[in-house]
């Protein structure tokens, strides 16, 4: 049986839309490198405009 991981040990990324960090999920296992947004709502909104 695989060793359990703590949530804090999982890889994280910053969402391109809301700029909040989000953690790895099992459903993203095969395509983690392509995941850019934390949720469907952020994906629909698209990338946020740069501040300034």
PDB file of N, CA and C in Angstrom:
ATOM      1  N   UNK A   1       0.847  -1.189   0.000  1.00  0.00           N
ATOM      2  CA  UNK A   1       0.000   0.000   0.000  1.00  0.00           C
ATOM      3  C   UNK A   1       0.892   1.252   0.000  1.00  0.00           C
ATOM      4  N   UNK A   2       0.551   2.271  -0.827  1.00  0.00           N
ATOM      5  CA  UNK A   2       1.380   3.467  -0.895  1.00  0.00           C
ATOM      6  C   UNK A   2       1.391   4.242   0.416  1.00  0.00           C
ATOM      7  N   UNK A   3       2.490   4.922   0.628  1.00  0.00           N
ATOM      8  CA  UNK A   3       2.638   5.744   1.824  1.00  0.00           C
ATOM      9  C   UNK A   3       1.736   6.979   1.714  1.00  0.00           C
ATOM     10  N   UNK A   4       1.063   7.328   2.798  1.00  0.00           N
ATOM     11  CA  UNK A   4       0.163   8.484   2.794  1.00  0.00           C
ATOM     12  C   UNK A   4       0.978   9.785   2.777  1.00  0.00           C
ATOM     13  N   UNK A   5       0.434  10.790   2.096  1.00  0.00           N
ATOM     14  CA  UNK A   5       1.054  12.109   2.059  1.00  0.00           C
ATOM     15  C   UNK A   5       0.200  13.090   2.838  1.00  0.00           C
ATOM     16  N   UNK A   6       0.851  14.049   3.442  1.00  0.00           N
ATOM     17  CA  UNK A   6       0.113  15.132   4.081  1.00  0.00           C
ATOM     18  C   UNK A   6      -0.212  16.175   3.019  1.00  0.00           C
ATOM     19  N   UNK A   7      -1.305  16.895   3.225  1.00  0.00           N
ATOM     20  CA  UNK A   7      -1.723  17.893   2.246  1.00  0.00           C
ATOM     21  C   UNK A   7      -0.637  18.949   2.034  1.00  0.00           C
ATOM     22  N   UNK A   8       0.088  19.286   3.075  1.00  0.00           N
ATOM     23  CA  UNK A   8       1.156  20.277   2.960  1.00  0.00           C
ATOM     24  C   UNK A   8       2.330  19.809   2.125  1.00  0.00           C
ATOM     25  N   UNK A   9       2.440  18.497   1.891  1.00  0.00           N
ATOM     26  CA  UNK A   9       3.535  17.950   1.101  1.00  0.00           C
ATOM     27  C   UNK A   9       3.210  17.876  -0.389  1.00  0.00           C
ATOM     28  N   UNK A  10       1.965  18.157  -0.776  1.00  0.00           N
ATOM     29  CA  UNK A  10       1.565  18.087  -2.173  1.00  0.00           C
ATOM     30  C   UNK A  10       2.075  19.311  -2.938  1.00  0.00           C
ATOM     31  N   UNK A  11       2.361  19.157  -4.231  1.00  0.00           N
ATOM     32  CA  UNK A  11       2.800  20.318  -5.015  1.00  0.00           C
ATOM     33  C   UNK A  11       1.678  21.347  -5.165  1.00  0.00           C
ATOM     34  N   UNK A  12       2.045  22.602  -5.304  1.00  0.00           N
ATOM     35  CA  UNK A  12       1.062  23.672  -5.471  1.00  0.00           C
ATOM     36  C   UNK A  12       1.420  24.534  -6.679  1.00  0.00           C
ATOM     37  N   UNK A  13       0.435  25.256  -7.163  1.00  0.00           N
ATOM     38  CA  UNK A  13       0.604  26.237  -8.244  1.00  0.00           C
ATOM     39  C   UNK A  13      -0.238  27.448  -7.897  1.00  0.00           C
ATOM     40  N   UNK A  14       0.003  28.564  -8.587  1.00  0.00           N
ATOM     41  CA  UNK A  14      -0.836  29.751  -8.453  1.00  0.00           C
ATOM     42  C   UNK A  14      -1.777  29.810  -9.648  1.00  0.00           C
ATOM     43  N   UNK A  15      -3.034  30.082  -9.378  1.00  0.00           N
ATOM     44  CA  UNK A  15      -4.056  30.187 -10.417  1.00  0.00           C
ATOM     45  C   UNK A  15      -3.774  31.413 -11.281  1.00  0.00           C
ATOM     46  N   UNK A  16      -3.914  31.275 -12.600  1.00  0.00           N
ATOM     47  CA  UNK A  16      -3.666  32.403 -13.507  1.00  0.00           C
ATOM     48  C   UNK A  16      -4.758  33.462 -13.444  1.00  0.00           C
ATOM     49  N   UNK A  17      -5.927  33.093 -12.938  1.00  0.00           N
ATOM     50  CA  UNK A  17      -7.035  34.040 -12.886  1.00  0.00           C
ATOM     51  C   UNK A  17      -7.108  34.772 -11.542  1.00  0.00           C
ATOM     52  N   UNK A  18      -7.185  34.019 -10.446  1.00  0.00           N
ATOM     53  CA  UNK A  18      -7.365  34.644  -9.134  1.00  0.00           C
ATOM     54  C   UNK A  18      -6.054  34.789  -8.356  1.00  0.00           C
ATOM     55  N   UNK A  19      -4.983  34.219  -8.865  1.00  0.00           N
ATOM     56  CA  UNK A  19      -3.638  34.292  -8.272  1.00  0.00           C
ATOM     57  C   UNK A  19      -3.540  33.662  -6.886  1.00  0.00           C
ATOM     58  N   UNK A  20      -4.483  32.792  -6.549  1.00  0.00           N
ATOM     59  CA  UNK A  20      -4.421  32.070  -5.277  1.00  0.00           C
ATOM     60  C   UNK A  20      -3.725  30.733  -5.487  1.00  0.00           C
ATOM     61  N   UNK A  21      -3.019  30.253  -4.467  1.00  0.00           N
ATOM     62  CA  UNK A  21      -2.381  28.942  -4.601  1.00  0.00           C
ATOM     63  C   UNK A  21      -3.417  27.811  -4.520  1.00  0.00           C
ATOM     64  N   UNK A  22      -3.191  26.746  -5.289  1.00  0.00           N
ATOM     65  CA  UNK A  22      -4.042  25.559  -5.201  1.00  0.00           C
ATOM     66  C   UNK A  22      -3.158  24.325  -5.257  1.00  0.00           C
ATOM     67  N   UNK A  23      -3.613  23.265  -4.624  1.00  0.00           N
ATOM     68  CA  UNK A  23      -2.814  22.055  -4.466  1.00  0.00           C
ATOM     69  C   UNK A  23      -3.197  20.992  -5.485  1.00  0.00           C
ATOM     70  N   UNK A  24      -2.278  20.067  -5.679  1.00  0.00           N
ATOM     71  CA  UNK A  24      -2.462  18.911  -6.556  1.00  0.00           C
ATOM     72  C   UNK A  24      -3.690  18.118  -6.139  1.00  0.00           C
ATOM     73  N   UNK A  25      -4.419  17.596  -7.130  1.00  0.00           N
ATOM     74  CA  UNK A  25      -5.567  16.724  -6.878  1.00  0.00           C
ATOM     75  C   UNK A  25      -5.389  15.437  -7.657  1.00  0.00           C
ATOM     76  N   UNK A  26      -5.958  14.368  -7.128  1.00  0.00           N
ATOM     77  CA  UNK A  26      -5.853  13.065  -7.775  1.00  0.00           C
ATOM     78  C   UNK A  26      -6.383  13.110  -9.210  1.00  0.00           C
ATOM     79  N   UNK A  27      -7.477  13.839  -9.454  1.00  0.00           N
ATOM     80  CA  UNK A  27      -8.045  13.892 -10.802  1.00  0.00           C
ATOM     81  C   UNK A  27      -7.131  14.596 -11.798  1.00  0.00           C
ATOM     82  N   UNK A  28      -6.145  15.367 -11.323  1.00  0.00           N
ATOM     83  CA  UNK A  28      -5.193  16.048 -12.191  1.00  0.00           C
ATOM     84  C   UNK A  28      -3.888  15.277 -12.326  1.00  0.00           C
ATOM     85  N   UNK A  29      -3.860  14.039 -11.846  1.00  0.00           N
ATOM     86  CA  UNK A  29      -2.630  13.257 -11.786  1.00  0.00           C
ATOM     87  C   UNK A  29      -1.916  13.161 -13.137  1.00  0.00           C
ATOM     88  N   UNK A  30      -2.648  12.856 -14.198  1.00  0.00           N
ATOM     89  CA  UNK A  30      -2.023  12.647 -15.511  1.00  0.00           C
ATOM     90  C   UNK A  30      -1.646  13.934 -16.212  1.00  0.00           C
ATOM     91  N   UNK A  31      -2.346  15.047 -15.930  1.00  0.00           N
ATOM     92  CA  UNK A  31      -2.075  16.284 -16.655  1.00  0.00           C
ATOM     93  C   UNK A  31      -1.792  17.479 -15.744  1.00  0.00           C
ATOM     94  N   UNK A  32      -1.102  17.243 -14.644  1.00  0.00           N
ATOM     95  CA  UNK A  32      -0.770  18.307 -13.695  1.00  0.00           C
ATOM     96  C   UNK A  32       0.013  19.437 -14.367  1.00  0.00           C
ATOM     97  N   UNK A  33       0.870  19.106 -15.331  1.00  0.00           N
ATOM     98  CA  UNK A  33       1.668  20.141 -15.990  1.00  0.00           C
ATOM     99  C   UNK A  33       0.813  21.095 -16.820  1.00  0.00           C
ATOM    100  N   UNK A  34      -0.350  20.640 -17.287  1.00  0.00           N
ATOM    101  CA  UNK A  34      -1.218  21.485 -18.104  1.00  0.00           C
ATOM    102  C   UNK A  34      -2.262  22.251 -17.292  1.00  0.00           C
ATOM    103  N   UNK A  35      -2.449  21.916 -16.026  1.00  0.00           N
ATOM    104  CA  UNK A  35      -3.458  22.582 -15.197  1.00  0.00           C
ATOM    105  C   UNK A  35      -3.002  24.013 -14.908  1.00  0.00           C
ATOM    106  N   UNK A  36      -3.881  24.986 -15.180  1.00  0.00           N
ATOM    107  CA  UNK A  36      -3.534  26.394 -14.999  1.00  0.00           C
ATOM    108  C   UNK A  36      -4.459  27.125 -14.037  1.00  0.00           C
ATOM    109  N   UNK A  37      -5.685  26.611 -13.875  1.00  0.00           N
ATOM    110  CA  UNK A  37      -6.685  27.304 -13.069  1.00  0.00           C
ATOM    111  C   UNK A  37      -7.144  26.421 -11.918  1.00  0.00           C
ATOM    112  N   UNK A  38      -7.558  27.042 -10.823  1.00  0.00           N
ATOM    113  CA  UNK A  38      -7.965  26.302  -9.628  1.00  0.00           C
ATOM    114  C   UNK A  38      -9.391  25.769  -9.726  1.00  0.00           C
ATOM    115  N   UNK A  39     -10.213  26.343 -10.612  1.00  0.00           N
ATOM    116  CA  UNK A  39     -11.613  25.933 -10.691  1.00  0.00           C
ATOM    117  C   UNK A  39     -12.176  26.218 -12.085  1.00  0.00           C
ATOM    118  N   UNK A  40     -13.358  25.686 -12.351  1.00  0.00           N
ATOM    119  CA  UNK A  40     -14.038  25.968 -13.624  1.00  0.00           C
ATOM    120  C   UNK A  40     -14.383  27.451 -13.743  1.00  0.00           C
ATOM    121  N   UNK A  41     -14.748  28.057 -12.628  1.00  0.00           N
ATOM    122  CA  UNK A  41     -15.083  29.486 -12.650  1.00  0.00           C
ATOM    123  C   UNK A  41     -13.885  30.325 -13.103  1.00  0.00           C
ATOM    124  N   UNK A  42     -12.710  30.030 -12.568  1.00  0.00           N
ATOM    125  CA  UNK A  42     -11.507  30.757 -12.969  1.00  0.00           C
ATOM    126  C   UNK A  42     -11.133  30.448 -14.417  1.00  0.00           C
ATOM    127  N   UNK A  43     -11.340  29.215 -14.845  1.00  0.00           N
ATOM    128  CA  UNK A  43     -11.033  28.836 -16.226  1.00  0.00           C
ATOM    129  C   UNK A  43     -11.914  29.616 -17.195  1.00  0.00           C
ATOM    130  N   UNK A  44     -13.201  29.776 -16.872  1.00  0.00           N
ATOM    131  CA  UNK A  44     -14.109  30.544 -17.727  1.00  0.00           C
ATOM    132  C   UNK A  44     -13.736  32.030 -17.750  1.00  0.00           C
ATOM    133  N   UNK A  45     -13.271  32.545 -16.617  1.00  0.00           N
ATOM    134  CA  UNK A  45     -12.903  33.969 -16.537  1.00  0.00           C
ATOM    135  C   UNK A  45     -11.630  34.260 -17.320  1.00  0.00           C
ATOM    136  N   UNK A  46     -10.752  33.283 -17.432  1.00  0.00           N
ATOM    137  CA  UNK A  46      -9.503  33.456 -18.170  1.00  0.00           C
ATOM    138  C   UNK A  46      -8.467  34.173 -17.340  1.00  0.00           C
ATOM    139  N   UNK A  47      -7.307  34.421 -17.940  1.00  0.00           N
ATOM    140  CA  UNK A  47      -6.230  35.078 -17.200  1.00  0.00           C
ATOM    141  C   UNK A  47      -6.603  36.505 -16.820  1.00  0.00           C
ATOM    142  N   UNK A  48      -6.211  36.896 -15.638  1.00  0.00           N
ATOM    143  CA  UNK A  48      -6.485  38.248 -15.155  1.00  0.00           C
ATOM    144  C   UNK A  48      -5.551  39.242 -15.829  1.00  0.00           C
ATOM    145  N   UNK A  49      -6.011  40.462 -15.974  1.00  0.00           N
ATOM    146  CA  UNK A  49      -5.182  41.514 -16.537  1.00  0.00           C
ATOM    147  C   UNK A  49      -4.075  41.864 -15.545  1.00  0.00           C
ATOM    148  N   UNK A  50      -2.895  42.178 -16.034  1.00  0.00           N
ATOM    149  CA  UNK A  50      -1.811  42.549 -15.110  1.00  0.00           C
ATOM    150  C   UNK A  50      -2.139  43.835 -14.354  1.00  0.00           C
ATOM    151  N   UNK A  51      -1.742  43.874 -13.097  1.00  0.00           N
ATOM    152  CA  UNK A  51      -1.998  45.061 -12.263  1.00  0.00           C
ATOM    153  C   UNK A  51      -1.069  46.186 -12.698  1.00  0.00           C
ATOM    154  N   UNK A  52      -1.600  47.388 -12.688  1.00  0.00           N
ATOM    155  CA  UNK A  52      -0.740  48.527 -12.964  1.00  0.00           C
ATOM    156  C   UNK A  52      -1.100  49.280 -14.114  1.00  0.00           C
TER     157      UNK A  52
END
